Amino acid sequence: GFGLKGEGDQVRLFDSSGLLVDEVEYNYVSPWPTAPNGTELTLELIHPSRDNALGVNWAAANGNGTPGAKNSVYDDK
């Protein structure tokens, strides 16, 4: 199956023209949310206006994520 490395990886999003729209490089150490070694962790951005480059703006999802819906960890504060 598809997955990203737990010790850090990078995700890049491109539009249909091939232009970079957004990117995030995460890590598996604080302040990034972590899970016990060997377990899966789904991350969600707390709010779309927050800087996705900062680990403090991410949280472990309640379940396996929420494609097409508001993130389960959404915080509008």
N, C-alpha and C. Protein backbone atom coordinates (compact mmCIF):
# COMPACT_ATOMS: atom_id res chain seq x y z
N GLY A 1 0.82 -1.20 0.00
CA GLY A 1 0.00 0.00 0.00
C GLY A 1 0.85 1.25 0.00
N PHE A 2 0.20 2.33 -0.26
CA PHE A 2 0.87 3.63 -0.30
C PHE A 2 1.02 4.19 1.10
N GLY A 3 2.13 4.78 1.37
CA GLY A 3 2.36 5.43 2.65
C GLY A 3 3.55 6.35 2.56
N LEU A 4 3.68 7.19 3.55
CA LEU A 4 4.81 8.10 3.63
C LEU A 4 5.72 7.65 4.76
N LYS A 5 6.98 7.97 4.65
CA LYS A 5 7.94 7.56 5.66
C LYS A 5 7.63 8.23 7.00
N GLY A 6 7.75 7.48 8.07
CA GLY A 6 7.50 8.01 9.39
C GLY A 6 8.58 8.96 9.88
N GLU A 7 9.80 8.81 9.38
CA GLU A 7 10.89 9.66 9.86
C GLU A 7 10.97 10.98 9.11
N GLY A 8 9.99 11.25 8.27
CA GLY A 8 9.95 12.51 7.53
C GLY A 8 9.79 12.25 6.06
N ASP A 9 9.02 13.07 5.44
CA ASP A 9 8.78 12.95 4.01
C ASP A 9 8.23 14.29 3.53
N GLN A 10 8.00 14.39 2.25
CA GLN A 10 7.51 15.64 1.69
C GLN A 10 6.34 15.34 0.75
N VAL A 11 5.33 16.19 0.81
CA VAL A 11 4.18 16.09 -0.07
C VAL A 11 4.11 17.39 -0.87
N ARG A 12 3.95 17.26 -2.18
CA ARG A 12 3.81 18.43 -3.05
C ARG A 12 2.54 18.28 -3.86
N LEU A 13 1.78 19.38 -3.98
CA LEU A 13 0.56 19.40 -4.78
C LEU A 13 0.77 20.31 -5.98
N PHE A 14 0.41 19.79 -7.16
CA PHE A 14 0.55 20.54 -8.40
C PHE A 14 -0.82 20.72 -9.03
N ASP A 15 -1.00 21.85 -9.74
CA ASP A 15 -2.25 22.03 -10.47
C ASP A 15 -2.16 21.31 -11.82
N SER A 16 -3.22 21.40 -12.61
CA SER A 16 -3.27 20.67 -13.88
C SER A 16 -2.24 21.17 -14.90
N SER A 17 -1.66 22.36 -14.65
CA SER A 17 -0.62 22.89 -15.54
C SER A 17 0.78 22.49 -15.09
N GLY A 18 0.84 21.77 -13.98
CA GLY A 18 2.13 21.35 -13.47
C GLY A 18 2.80 22.34 -12.54
N LEU A 19 2.07 23.42 -12.17
CA LEU A 19 2.63 24.42 -11.26
C LEU A 19 2.43 23.99 -9.82
N LEU A 20 3.47 24.19 -9.01
CA LEU A 20 3.40 23.85 -7.60
C LEU A 20 2.39 24.75 -6.89
N VAL A 21 1.42 24.14 -6.22
CA VAL A 21 0.37 24.88 -5.51
C VAL A 21 0.66 24.95 -4.02
N ASP A 22 1.12 23.85 -3.46
CA ASP A 22 1.40 23.78 -2.03
C ASP A 22 2.36 22.64 -1.77
N GLU A 23 3.06 22.72 -0.65
CA GLU A 23 3.95 21.63 -0.26
C GLU A 23 4.11 21.64 1.25
N VAL A 24 4.43 20.50 1.78
CA VAL A 24 4.71 20.38 3.21
C VAL A 24 5.75 19.30 3.41
N GLU A 25 6.71 19.58 4.26
CA GLU A 25 7.71 18.60 4.65
C GLU A 25 7.51 18.36 6.14
N TYR A 26 7.16 17.15 6.49
CA TYR A 26 6.87 16.84 7.89
C TYR A 26 7.96 15.96 8.47
N ASN A 27 7.89 15.82 9.79
CA ASN A 27 8.85 14.97 10.47
C ASN A 27 8.12 14.15 11.53
N TYR A 28 8.82 13.25 12.15
CA TYR A 28 8.23 12.34 13.12
C TYR A 28 8.71 12.66 14.54
N VAL A 29 9.09 13.90 14.74
CA VAL A 29 9.53 14.36 16.07
C VAL A 29 8.77 15.63 16.42
N SER A 30 8.66 15.89 17.72
CA SER A 30 7.96 17.08 18.21
C SER A 30 8.54 18.33 17.53
N PRO A 31 7.71 19.27 17.12
CA PRO A 31 6.32 19.46 17.48
C PRO A 31 5.32 18.75 16.56
N TRP A 32 5.79 17.88 15.67
CA TRP A 32 4.87 17.12 14.83
C TRP A 32 4.19 16.04 15.66
N PRO A 33 2.90 15.78 15.42
CA PRO A 33 2.23 14.69 16.14
C PRO A 33 2.92 13.36 15.82
N THR A 34 3.03 12.49 16.81
CA THR A 34 3.69 11.21 16.62
C THR A 34 2.79 10.08 17.13
N ALA A 35 3.08 8.90 16.67
CA ALA A 35 2.38 7.68 17.11
C ALA A 35 3.44 6.71 17.61
N PRO A 36 3.05 5.75 18.41
CA PRO A 36 4.04 4.75 18.84
C PRO A 36 4.70 4.10 17.63
N ASN A 37 5.97 3.77 17.75
CA ASN A 37 6.73 3.17 16.66
C ASN A 37 6.01 1.95 16.11
N GLY A 38 5.88 1.89 14.80
CA GLY A 38 5.25 0.75 14.15
C GLY A 38 3.75 0.89 13.96
N THR A 39 3.17 2.01 14.38
CA THR A 39 1.74 2.22 14.19
C THR A 39 1.50 3.31 13.17
N GLU A 40 0.34 3.29 12.57
CA GLU A 40 0.00 4.27 11.55
C GLU A 40 -0.54 5.54 12.19
N LEU A 41 -0.32 6.66 11.52
CA LEU A 41 -0.81 7.94 11.99
C LEU A 41 -1.28 8.74 10.79
N THR A 42 -2.49 9.23 10.84
CA THR A 42 -3.01 10.12 9.81
C THR A 42 -3.01 11.52 10.37
N LEU A 43 -2.40 12.46 9.65
CA LEU A 43 -2.34 13.85 10.10
C LEU A 43 -3.36 14.70 9.36
N GLU A 44 -3.92 15.67 10.07
CA GLU A 44 -4.82 16.64 9.47
C GLU A 44 -4.40 18.03 9.93
N LEU A 45 -4.51 18.99 9.01
CA LEU A 45 -4.25 20.38 9.33
C LEU A 45 -5.39 20.89 10.21
N ILE A 46 -5.06 21.58 11.29
CA ILE A 46 -6.07 22.05 12.24
C ILE A 46 -7.00 23.07 11.59
N HIS A 47 -6.45 23.96 10.76
CA HIS A 47 -7.26 24.97 10.08
C HIS A 47 -6.55 25.33 8.77
N PRO A 48 -7.30 25.49 7.67
CA PRO A 48 -6.66 25.75 6.37
C PRO A 48 -5.87 27.05 6.29
N SER A 49 -6.13 28.01 7.19
CA SER A 49 -5.40 29.27 7.13
C SER A 49 -4.07 29.22 7.88
N ARG A 50 -3.82 28.15 8.61
CA ARG A 50 -2.59 28.04 9.38
C ARG A 50 -1.43 27.57 8.49
N ASP A 51 -0.23 27.92 8.88
CA ASP A 51 0.98 27.57 8.14
C ASP A 51 1.21 26.06 8.21
N ASN A 52 1.06 25.39 7.08
CA ASN A 52 1.20 23.92 7.09
C ASN A 52 2.66 23.47 7.19
N ALA A 53 3.60 24.39 7.22
CA ALA A 53 5.01 24.03 7.39
C ALA A 53 5.37 23.84 8.86
N LEU A 54 4.46 24.22 9.76
CA LEU A 54 4.72 24.13 11.19
C LEU A 54 3.98 22.94 11.80
N GLY A 55 4.71 22.06 12.45
CA GLY A 55 4.12 20.87 13.04
C GLY A 55 3.04 21.14 14.06
N VAL A 56 3.11 22.28 14.75
CA VAL A 56 2.10 22.60 15.77
C VAL A 56 0.73 22.83 15.16
N ASN A 57 0.65 23.02 13.85
CA ASN A 57 -0.63 23.27 13.19
C ASN A 57 -1.28 22.00 12.65
N TRP A 58 -0.71 20.85 13.00
CA TRP A 58 -1.23 19.55 12.59
C TRP A 58 -1.63 18.76 13.82
N ALA A 59 -2.56 17.83 13.65
CA ALA A 59 -2.97 16.95 14.75
C ALA A 59 -3.27 15.57 14.18
N ALA A 60 -3.19 14.57 15.04
CA ALA A 60 -3.55 13.21 14.65
C ALA A 60 -5.04 13.17 14.38
N ALA A 61 -5.42 12.59 13.25
CA ALA A 61 -6.83 12.52 12.85
C ALA A 61 -7.60 11.56 13.75
N ASN A 62 -8.89 11.84 13.86
CA ASN A 62 -9.80 10.91 14.53
C ASN A 62 -10.26 9.92 13.47
N GLY A 63 -9.59 8.80 13.35
CA GLY A 63 -9.88 7.83 12.30
C GLY A 63 -8.85 7.94 11.20
N ASN A 64 -9.29 7.74 9.97
CA ASN A 64 -8.37 7.70 8.83
C ASN A 64 -8.47 8.91 7.93
N GLY A 65 -8.82 10.05 8.47
CA GLY A 65 -8.94 11.25 7.66
C GLY A 65 -10.37 11.47 7.21
N THR A 66 -10.59 12.62 6.58
CA THR A 66 -11.95 13.01 6.20
C THR A 66 -11.99 13.58 4.78
N PRO A 67 -11.62 12.81 3.77
CA PRO A 67 -11.63 13.34 2.40
C PRO A 67 -12.98 13.94 2.02
N GLY A 68 -12.96 15.16 1.49
CA GLY A 68 -14.18 15.82 1.04
C GLY A 68 -15.01 16.44 2.14
N ALA A 69 -14.53 16.39 3.38
CA ALA A 69 -15.27 16.96 4.51
C ALA A 69 -14.31 17.76 5.38
N LYS A 70 -14.88 18.49 6.34
CA LYS A 70 -14.06 19.26 7.29
C LYS A 70 -13.20 18.28 8.08
N ASN A 71 -11.95 18.64 8.30
CA ASN A 71 -11.05 17.77 9.05
C ASN A 71 -11.60 17.50 10.45
N SER A 72 -11.39 16.29 10.93
CA SER A 72 -11.92 15.89 12.23
C SER A 72 -11.30 16.68 13.38
N VAL A 73 -10.13 17.29 13.15
CA VAL A 73 -9.44 18.05 14.20
C VAL A 73 -9.59 19.55 14.00
N TYR A 74 -10.50 19.95 13.13
CA TYR A 74 -10.69 21.37 12.79
C TYR A 74 -10.85 22.23 14.04
N ASP A 75 -10.16 23.36 14.07
CA ASP A 75 -10.24 24.31 15.18
C ASP A 75 -10.25 25.70 14.59
N ASP A 76 -11.34 26.44 14.77
CA ASP A 76 -11.45 27.78 14.17
C ASP A 76 -10.98 28.89 15.11
N LYS A 77 -10.27 28.53 16.18
CA LYS A 77 -9.79 29.55 17.13
C LYS A 77 -8.43 30.06 16.73
